[in-house]
PDB file of N, CA and C in Angstrom:
ATOM      1  N   UNK A   1       0.844  -1.169   0.000  1.00  0.00           N
ATOM      2  CA  UNK A   1       0.000   0.000   0.000  1.00  0.00           C
ATOM      3  C   UNK A   1       0.890   1.233   0.000  1.00  0.00           C
ATOM      4  N   UNK A   2       0.718   2.079  -0.919  1.00  0.00           N
ATOM      5  CA  UNK A   2       1.538   3.285  -0.937  1.00  0.00           C
ATOM      6  C   UNK A   2       1.075   4.271   0.131  1.00  0.00           C
ATOM      7  N   UNK A   3       2.013   4.902   0.787  1.00  0.00           N
ATOM      8  CA  UNK A   3       1.700   5.915   1.777  1.00  0.00           C
ATOM      9  C   UNK A   3       1.447   5.374   3.171  1.00  0.00           C
ATOM     10  N   UNK A   4       1.576   4.087   3.380  1.00  0.00           N
ATOM     11  CA  UNK A   4       1.354   3.517   4.703  1.00  0.00           C
ATOM     12  C   UNK A   4       2.711   3.135   5.274  1.00  0.00           C
ATOM     13  N   UNK A   5       3.063   3.708   6.421  1.00  0.00           N
ATOM     14  CA  UNK A   5       4.329   3.403   7.055  1.00  0.00           C
ATOM     15  C   UNK A   5       4.134   2.248   8.026  1.00  0.00           C
ATOM     16  N   UNK A   6       4.987   1.253   7.951  1.00  0.00           N
ATOM     17  CA  UNK A   6       4.910   0.109   8.835  1.00  0.00           C
ATOM     18  C   UNK A   6       5.962   0.289   9.921  1.00  0.00           C
ATOM     19  N   UNK A   7       5.520   0.265  11.172  1.00  0.00           N
ATOM     20  CA  UNK A   7       6.448   0.400  12.282  1.00  0.00           C
ATOM     21  C   UNK A   7       6.429  -0.868  13.113  1.00  0.00           C
ATOM     22  N   UNK A   8       7.416  -0.985  13.975  1.00  0.00           N
ATOM     23  CA  UNK A   8       7.528  -2.152  14.832  1.00  0.00           C
ATOM     24  C   UNK A   8       6.336  -2.217  15.779  1.00  0.00           C
ATOM     25  N   UNK A   9       5.708  -3.347  15.902  1.00  0.00           N
ATOM     26  CA  UNK A   9       4.578  -3.512  16.801  1.00  0.00           C
ATOM     27  C   UNK A   9       3.226  -3.357  16.125  1.00  0.00           C
ATOM     28  N   UNK A  10       3.207  -3.001  14.863  1.00  0.00           N
ATOM     29  CA  UNK A  10       1.929  -2.875  14.162  1.00  0.00           C
ATOM     30  C   UNK A  10       1.447  -4.268  13.772  1.00  0.00           C
ATOM     31  N   UNK A  11       0.202  -4.530  14.022  1.00  0.00           N
ATOM     32  CA  UNK A  11      -0.376  -5.822  13.679  1.00  0.00           C
ATOM     33  C   UNK A  11      -1.090  -5.720  12.340  1.00  0.00           C
ATOM     34  N   UNK A  12      -1.555  -6.849  11.869  1.00  0.00           N
ATOM     35  CA  UNK A  12      -2.268  -6.855  10.597  1.00  0.00           C
ATOM     36  C   UNK A  12      -3.545  -6.038  10.687  1.00  0.00           C
ATOM     37  N   UNK A  13      -4.223  -6.071  11.847  1.00  0.00           N
ATOM     38  CA  UNK A  13      -5.461  -5.312  11.964  1.00  0.00           C
ATOM     39  C   UNK A  13      -5.186  -3.816  11.966  1.00  0.00           C
ATOM     40  N   UNK A  14      -4.085  -3.382  12.601  1.00  0.00           N
ATOM     41  CA  UNK A  14      -3.778  -1.959  12.587  1.00  0.00           C
ATOM     42  C   UNK A  14      -3.345  -1.511  11.203  1.00  0.00           C
ATOM     43  N   UNK A  15      -2.673  -2.401  10.466  1.00  0.00           N
ATOM     44  CA  UNK A  15      -2.341  -2.074   9.080  1.00  0.00           C
ATOM     45  C   UNK A  15      -3.601  -1.949   8.231  1.00  0.00           C
ATOM     46  N   UNK A  16      -4.536  -2.857   8.446  1.00  0.00           N
ATOM     47  CA  UNK A  16      -5.785  -2.797   7.694  1.00  0.00           C
ATOM     48  C   UNK A  16      -6.544  -1.524   8.030  1.00  0.00           C
ATOM     49  N   UNK A  17      -6.565  -1.162   9.314  1.00  0.00           N
ATOM     50  CA  UNK A  17      -7.245   0.071   9.703  1.00  0.00           C
ATOM     51  C   UNK A  17      -6.537   1.290   9.134  1.00  0.00           C
ATOM     52  N   UNK A  18      -5.221   1.273   9.116  1.00  0.00           N
ATOM     53  CA  UNK A  18      -4.481   2.409   8.569  1.00  0.00           C
ATOM     54  C   UNK A  18      -4.755   2.557   7.086  1.00  0.00           C
ATOM     55  N   UNK A  19      -4.904   1.446   6.405  1.00  0.00           N
ATOM     56  CA  UNK A  19      -5.118   1.508   4.966  1.00  0.00           C
ATOM     57  C   UNK A  19      -6.554   1.752   4.561  1.00  0.00           C
ATOM     58  N   UNK A  20      -7.500   1.342   5.394  1.00  0.00           N
ATOM     59  CA  UNK A  20      -8.901   1.431   5.004  1.00  0.00           C
ATOM     60  C   UNK A  20      -9.671   2.539   5.720  1.00  0.00           C
ATOM     61  N   UNK A  21      -9.372   2.756   6.990  1.00  0.00           N
ATOM     62  CA  UNK A  21     -10.157   3.715   7.757  1.00  0.00           C
ATOM     63  C   UNK A  21      -9.829   5.147   7.396  1.00  0.00           C
ATOM     64  N   UNK A  22      -8.567   5.428   7.144  1.00  0.00           N
ATOM     65  CA  UNK A  22      -8.181   6.811   6.861  1.00  0.00           C
ATOM     66  C   UNK A  22      -8.845   7.354   5.596  1.00  0.00           C
ATOM     67  N   UNK A  23      -8.815   6.636   4.464  1.00  0.00           N
ATOM     68  CA  UNK A  23      -9.510   7.178   3.290  1.00  0.00           C
ATOM     69  C   UNK A  23     -11.021   7.259   3.478  1.00  0.00           C
ATOM     70  N   UNK A  24     -11.601   6.278   4.167  1.00  0.00           N
ATOM     71  CA  UNK A  24     -13.045   6.311   4.394  1.00  0.00           C
ATOM     72  C   UNK A  24     -13.416   7.484   5.283  1.00  0.00           C
ATOM     73  N   UNK A  25     -12.612   7.724   6.314  1.00  0.00           N
ATOM     74  CA  UNK A  25     -12.892   8.832   7.220  1.00  0.00           C
ATOM     75  C   UNK A  25     -12.716  10.160   6.501  1.00  0.00           C
ATOM     76  N   UNK A  26     -11.673  10.275   5.705  1.00  0.00           N
ATOM     77  CA  UNK A  26     -11.443  11.517   4.979  1.00  0.00           C
ATOM     78  C   UNK A  26     -12.581  11.774   3.997  1.00  0.00           C
ATOM     79  N   UNK A  27     -13.074  10.732   3.355  1.00  0.00           N
ATOM     80  CA  UNK A  27     -14.165  10.907   2.405  1.00  0.00           C
ATOM     81  C   UNK A  27     -15.460  11.262   3.128  1.00  0.00           C
ATOM     82  N   UNK A  28     -15.693  10.652   4.288  1.00  0.00           N
ATOM     83  CA  UNK A  28     -16.934  10.893   5.020  1.00  0.00           C
ATOM     84  C   UNK A  28     -16.942  12.277   5.646  1.00  0.00           C
ATOM     85  N   UNK A  29     -15.835  12.664   6.255  1.00  0.00           N
ATOM     86  CA  UNK A  29     -15.772  13.954   6.933  1.00  0.00           C
ATOM     87  C   UNK A  29     -15.358  15.092   6.009  1.00  0.00           C
ATOM     88  N   UNK A  30     -15.095  14.767   4.754  1.00  0.00           N
ATOM     89  CA  UNK A  30     -14.658  15.781   3.809  1.00  0.00           C
ATOM     90  C   UNK A  30     -15.783  16.659   3.301  1.00  0.00           C
ATOM     91  N   UNK A  31     -17.012  16.225   3.440  1.00  0.00           N
ATOM     92  CA  UNK A  31     -18.142  17.027   2.949  1.00  0.00           C
ATOM     93  C   UNK A  31     -19.044  17.404   4.113  1.00  0.00           C
ATOM     94  N   UNK A  32     -19.840  18.421   3.895  1.00  0.00           N
ATOM     95  CA  UNK A  32     -20.758  18.852   4.951  1.00  0.00           C
ATOM     96  C   UNK A  32     -21.845  17.820   5.211  1.00  0.00           C
ATOM     97  N   UNK A  33     -22.286  17.138   4.186  1.00  0.00           N
ATOM     98  CA  UNK A  33     -23.311  16.110   4.366  1.00  0.00           C
ATOM     99  C   UNK A  33     -22.741  14.942   5.170  1.00  0.00           C
ATOM    100  N   UNK A  34     -21.491  14.586   4.908  1.00  0.00           N
ATOM    101  CA  UNK A  34     -20.846  13.529   5.677  1.00  0.00           C
ATOM    102  C   UNK A  34     -20.679  13.920   7.129  1.00  0.00           C
ATOM    103  N   UNK A  35     -20.299  15.164   7.388  1.00  0.00           N
ATOM    104  CA  UNK A  35     -20.168  15.644   8.758  1.00  0.00           C
ATOM    105  C   UNK A  35     -21.524  15.643   9.462  1.00  0.00           C
ATOM    106  N   UNK A  36     -22.568  16.030   8.739  1.00  0.00           N
ATOM    107  CA  UNK A  36     -23.918  16.003   9.305  1.00  0.00           C
ATOM    108  C   UNK A  36     -24.327  14.577   9.635  1.00  0.00           C
ATOM    109  N   UNK A  37     -24.009  13.633   8.761  1.00  0.00           N
ATOM    110  CA  UNK A  37     -24.328  12.233   9.011  1.00  0.00           C
ATOM    111  C   UNK A  37     -23.617  11.718  10.254  1.00  0.00           C
ATOM    112  N   UNK A  38     -22.337  12.030  10.389  1.00  0.00           N
ATOM    113  CA  UNK A  38     -21.575  11.608  11.565  1.00  0.00           C
ATOM    114  C   UNK A  38     -22.163  12.234  12.821  1.00  0.00           C
ATOM    115  N   UNK A  39     -22.512  13.515  12.762  1.00  0.00           N
ATOM    116  CA  UNK A  39     -23.095  14.198  13.920  1.00  0.00           C
ATOM    117  C   UNK A  39     -24.426  13.571  14.315  1.00  0.00           C
ATOM    118  N   UNK A  40     -25.257  13.231  13.340  1.00  0.00           N
ATOM    119  CA  UNK A  40     -26.551  12.616  13.644  1.00  0.00           C
ATOM    120  C   UNK A  40     -26.389  11.224  14.240  1.00  0.00           C
ATOM    121  N   UNK A  41     -25.422  10.475  13.757  1.00  0.00           N
ATOM    122  CA  UNK A  41     -25.168   9.141  14.315  1.00  0.00           C
ATOM    123  C   UNK A  41     -24.681   9.267  15.759  1.00  0.00           C
ATOM    124  N   UNK A  42     -23.807  10.230  16.025  1.00  0.00           N
ATOM    125  CA  UNK A  42     -23.317  10.445  17.385  1.00  0.00           C
ATOM    126  C   UNK A  42     -24.455  10.866  18.308  1.00  0.00           C
ATOM    127  N   UNK A  43     -25.322  11.752  17.852  1.00  0.00           N
ATOM    128  CA  UNK A  43     -26.475  12.180  18.660  1.00  0.00           C
ATOM    129  C   UNK A  43     -27.399  10.996  18.922  1.00  0.00           C
ATOM    130  N   UNK A  44     -27.609  10.157  17.922  1.00  0.00           N
ATOM    131  CA  UNK A  44     -28.458   8.977  18.104  1.00  0.00           C
ATOM    132  C   UNK A  44     -27.860   8.041  19.155  1.00  0.00           C
ATOM    133  N   UNK A  45     -26.548   7.843  19.123  1.00  0.00           N
ATOM    134  CA  UNK A  45     -25.899   6.996  20.126  1.00  0.00           C
ATOM    135  C   UNK A  45     -26.030   7.586  21.525  1.00  0.00           C
ATOM    136  N   UNK A  46     -25.893   8.903  21.638  1.00  0.00           N
ATOM    137  CA  UNK A  46     -26.040   9.558  22.934  1.00  0.00           C
ATOM    138  C   UNK A  46     -27.465   9.377  23.455  1.00  0.00           C
ATOM    139  N   UNK A  47     -28.449   9.491  22.577  1.00  0.00           N
ATOM    140  CA  UNK A  47     -29.847   9.323  22.984  1.00  0.00           C
ATOM    141  C   UNK A  47     -30.116   7.891  23.429  1.00  0.00           C
ATOM    142  N   UNK A  48     -29.601   6.918  22.699  1.00  0.00           N
ATOM    143  CA  UNK A  48     -29.818   5.512  23.067  1.00  0.00           C
ATOM    144  C   UNK A  48     -29.177   5.210  24.419  1.00  0.00           C
ATOM    145  N   UNK A  49     -27.937   5.658  24.618  1.00  0.00           N
ATOM    146  CA  UNK A  49     -27.264   5.428  25.897  1.00  0.00           C
ATOM    147  C   UNK A  49     -27.981   6.188  27.015  1.00  0.00           C
ATOM    148  N   UNK A  50     -28.387   7.422  26.738  1.00  0.00           N
ATOM    149  CA  UNK A  50     -29.112   8.214  27.732  1.00  0.00           C
ATOM    150  C   UNK A  50     -30.440   7.590  28.108  1.00  0.00           C
ATOM    151  N   UNK A  51     -31.120   7.024  27.125  1.00  0.00           N
ATOM    152  CA  UNK A  51     -32.400   6.361  27.397  1.00  0.00           C
ATOM    153  C   UNK A  51     -32.203   5.184  28.348  1.00  0.00           C
ATOM    154  N   UNK A  52     -31.139   4.409  28.137  1.00  0.00           N
ATOM    155  CA  UNK A  52     -30.838   3.279  29.016  1.00  0.00           C
ATOM    156  C   UNK A  52     -30.518   3.761  30.426  1.00  0.00           C
ATOM    157  N   UNK A  53     -29.691   4.808  30.524  1.00  0.00           N
ATOM    158  CA  UNK A  53     -29.303   5.325  31.837  1.00  0.00           C
ATOM    159  C   UNK A  53     -30.507   5.892  32.573  1.00  0.00           C
ATOM    160  N   UNK A  54     -31.371   6.619  31.864  1.00  0.00           N
ATOM    161  CA  UNK A  54     -32.563   7.171  32.506  1.00  0.00           C
ATOM    162  C   UNK A  54     -33.537   6.076  32.930  1.00  0.00           C
ATOM    163  N   UNK A  55     -33.630   5.025  32.145  1.00  0.00           N
ATOM    164  CA  UNK A  55     -34.495   3.899  32.512  1.00  0.00           C
ATOM    165  C   UNK A  55     -34.005   3.271  33.811  1.00  0.00           C
ATOM    166  N   UNK A  56     -32.701   3.103  33.927  1.00  0.00           N
ATOM    167  CA  UNK A  56     -32.108   2.571  35.146  1.00  0.00           C
ATOM    168  C   UNK A  56     -32.316   3.527  36.319  1.00  0.00           C
ATOM    169  N   UNK A  57     -32.153   4.818  36.064  1.00  0.00           N
ATOM    170  CA  UNK A  57     -32.324   5.816  37.123  1.00  0.00           C
ATOM    171  C   UNK A  57     -33.758   5.820  37.638  1.00  0.00           C
ATOM    172  N   UNK A  58     -34.735   5.723  36.734  1.00  0.00           N
ATOM    173  CA  UNK A  58     -36.131   5.688  37.177  1.00  0.00           C
ATOM    174  C   UNK A  58     -36.410   4.465  38.040  1.00  0.00           C
ATOM    175  N   UNK A  59     -35.823   3.342  37.686  1.00  0.00           N
ATOM    176  CA  UNK A  59     -36.017   2.135  38.505  1.00  0.00           C
ATOM    177  C   UNK A  59     -35.426   2.328  39.892  1.00  0.00           C
ATOM    178  N   UNK A  60     -34.234   2.919  39.962  1.00  0.00           N
ATOM    179  CA  UNK A  60     -33.605   3.149  41.261  1.00  0.00           C
ATOM    180  C   UNK A  60     -34.407   4.135  42.103  1.00  0.00           C
ATOM    181  N   UNK A  61     -34.926   5.186  41.482  1.00  0.00           N
ATOM    182  CA  UNK A  61     -35.737   6.173  42.208  1.00  0.00           C
ATOM    183  C   UNK A  61     -37.026   5.530  42.703  1.00  0.00           C
ATOM    184  N   UNK A  62     -37.649   4.721  41.867  1.00  0.00           N
ATOM    185  CA  UNK A  62     -38.885   4.044  42.270  1.00  0.00           C
ATOM    186  C   UNK A  62     -38.634   3.101  43.441  1.00  0.00           C
ATOM    187  N   UNK A  63     -37.561   2.338  43.381  1.00  0.00           N
ATOM    188  CA  UNK A  63     -37.222   1.449  44.487  1.00  0.00           C
ATOM    189  C   UNK A  63     -36.955   2.256  45.753  1.00  0.00           C
ATOM    190  N   UNK A  64     -36.244   3.371  45.626  1.00  0.00           N
ATOM    191  CA  UNK A  64     -35.975   4.233  46.775  1.00  0.00           C
ATOM    192  C   UNK A  64     -37.241   4.785  47.395  1.00  0.00           C
ATOM    193  N   UNK A  65     -38.189   5.195  46.556  1.00  0.00           N
ATOM    194  CA  UNK A  65     -39.461   5.716  47.065  1.00  0.00           C
ATOM    195  C   UNK A  65     -40.199   4.640  47.841  1.00  0.00           C
ATOM    196  N   UNK A  66     -40.248   3.426  47.318  1.00  0.00           N
ATOM    197  CA  UNK A  66     -40.951   2.332  47.989  1.00  0.00           C
ATOM    198  C   UNK A  66     -40.285   2.000  49.322  1.00  0.00           C
ATOM    199  N   UNK A  67     -38.968   1.951  49.349  1.00  0.00           N
ATOM    200  CA  UNK A  67     -38.254   1.623  50.588  1.00  0.00           C
ATOM    201  C   UNK A  67     -38.462   2.707  51.638  1.00  0.00           C
ATOM    202  N   UNK A  68     -38.335   3.964  51.233  1.00  0.00           N
ATOM    203  CA  UNK A  68     -38.505   5.065  52.188  1.00  0.00           C
ATOM    204  C   UNK A  68     -39.957   5.132  52.673  1.00  0.00           C
ATOM    205  N   UNK A  69     -40.925   4.898  51.779  1.00  0.00           N
ATOM    206  CA  UNK A  69     -42.328   4.916  52.184  1.00  0.00           C
ATOM    207  C   UNK A  69     -42.616   3.790  53.176  1.00  0.00           C
ATOM    208  N   UNK A  70     -42.054   2.608  52.930  1.00  0.00           N
ATOM    209  CA  UNK A  70     -42.251   1.491  53.858  1.00  0.00           C
ATOM    210  C   UNK A  70     -41.625   1.801  55.211  1.00  0.00           C
ATOM    211  N   UNK A  71     -40.428   2.356  55.204  1.00  0.00           N
ATOM    212  CA  UNK A  71     -39.768   2.727  56.463  1.00  0.00           C
ATOM    213  C   UNK A  71     -40.570   3.801  57.198  1.00  0.00           C
ATOM    214  N   UNK A  72     -41.119   4.765  56.464  1.00  0.00           N
ATOM    215  CA  UNK A  72     -41.926   5.822  57.070  1.00  0.00           C
ATOM    216  C   UNK A  72     -43.183   5.242  57.721  1.00  0.00           C
ATOM    217  N   UNK A  73     -43.860   4.352  56.997  1.00  0.00           N
ATOM    218  CA  UNK A  73     -45.067   3.730  57.550  1.00  0.00           C
ATOM    219  C   UNK A  73     -44.754   2.909  58.805  1.00  0.00           C
ATOM    220  N   UNK A  74     -43.678   2.130  58.755  1.00  0.00           N
ATOM    221  CA  UNK A  74     -43.314   1.316  59.897  1.00  0.00           C
ATOM    222  C   UNK A  74     -42.904   2.183  61.088  1.00  0.00           C
ATOM    223  N   UNK A  75     -42.222   3.293  60.839  1.00  0.00           N
ATOM    224  CA  UNK A  75     -41.824   4.167  61.941  1.00  0.00           C
ATOM    225  C   UNK A  75     -43.015   4.940  62.502  1.00  0.00           C
ATOM    226  N   UNK A  76     -43.980   5.259  61.631  1.00  0.00           N
ATOM    227  CA  UNK A  76     -45.193   5.934  62.101  1.00  0.00           C
ATOM    228  C   UNK A  76     -46.008   5.019  62.999  1.00  0.00           C
ATOM    229  N   UNK A  77     -46.048   3.739  62.678  1.00  0.00           N
ATOM    230  CA  UNK A  77     -46.790   2.779  63.469  1.00  0.00           C
ATOM    231  C   UNK A  77     -46.018   2.350  64.722  1.00  0.00           C
ATOM    232  N   UNK A  78     -44.771   2.782  64.840  1.00  0.00           N
ATOM    233  CA  UNK A  78     -43.963   2.469  66.011  1.00  0.00           C
ATOM    234  C   UNK A  78     -43.329   1.105  65.968  1.00  0.00           C
ATOM    235  N   UNK A  79     -43.238   0.510  64.790  1.00  0.00           N
ATOM    236  CA  UNK A  79     -42.653  -0.808  64.666  1.00  0.00           C
ATOM    237  C   UNK A  79     -41.139  -0.765  64.431  1.00  0.00           C
ATOM    238  N   UNK A  80     -40.639   0.386  64.058  1.00  0.00           N
ATOM    239  CA  UNK A  80     -39.199   0.515  63.818  1.00  0.00           C
ATOM    240  C   UNK A  80     -38.631   1.599  64.717  1.00  0.00           C
TER     241      UNK A  80
END
């Protein structure tokens, strides 16, 4: 491959990435439409990860509310 420097410690996968990813990335990020596509994909990933984190957070908050409400009821009745 012309233009690819091979250094000590480079594996076949890093050579493949050096030869294939750089031109693809340059072509994708070289235009405004490509940059918009990359930005939209990144935003979509952030939304998917955020949705998972918020789903987990709601479960933790709900469990906390139930535990605190049970403790409050038991302490009001003088059982705790």
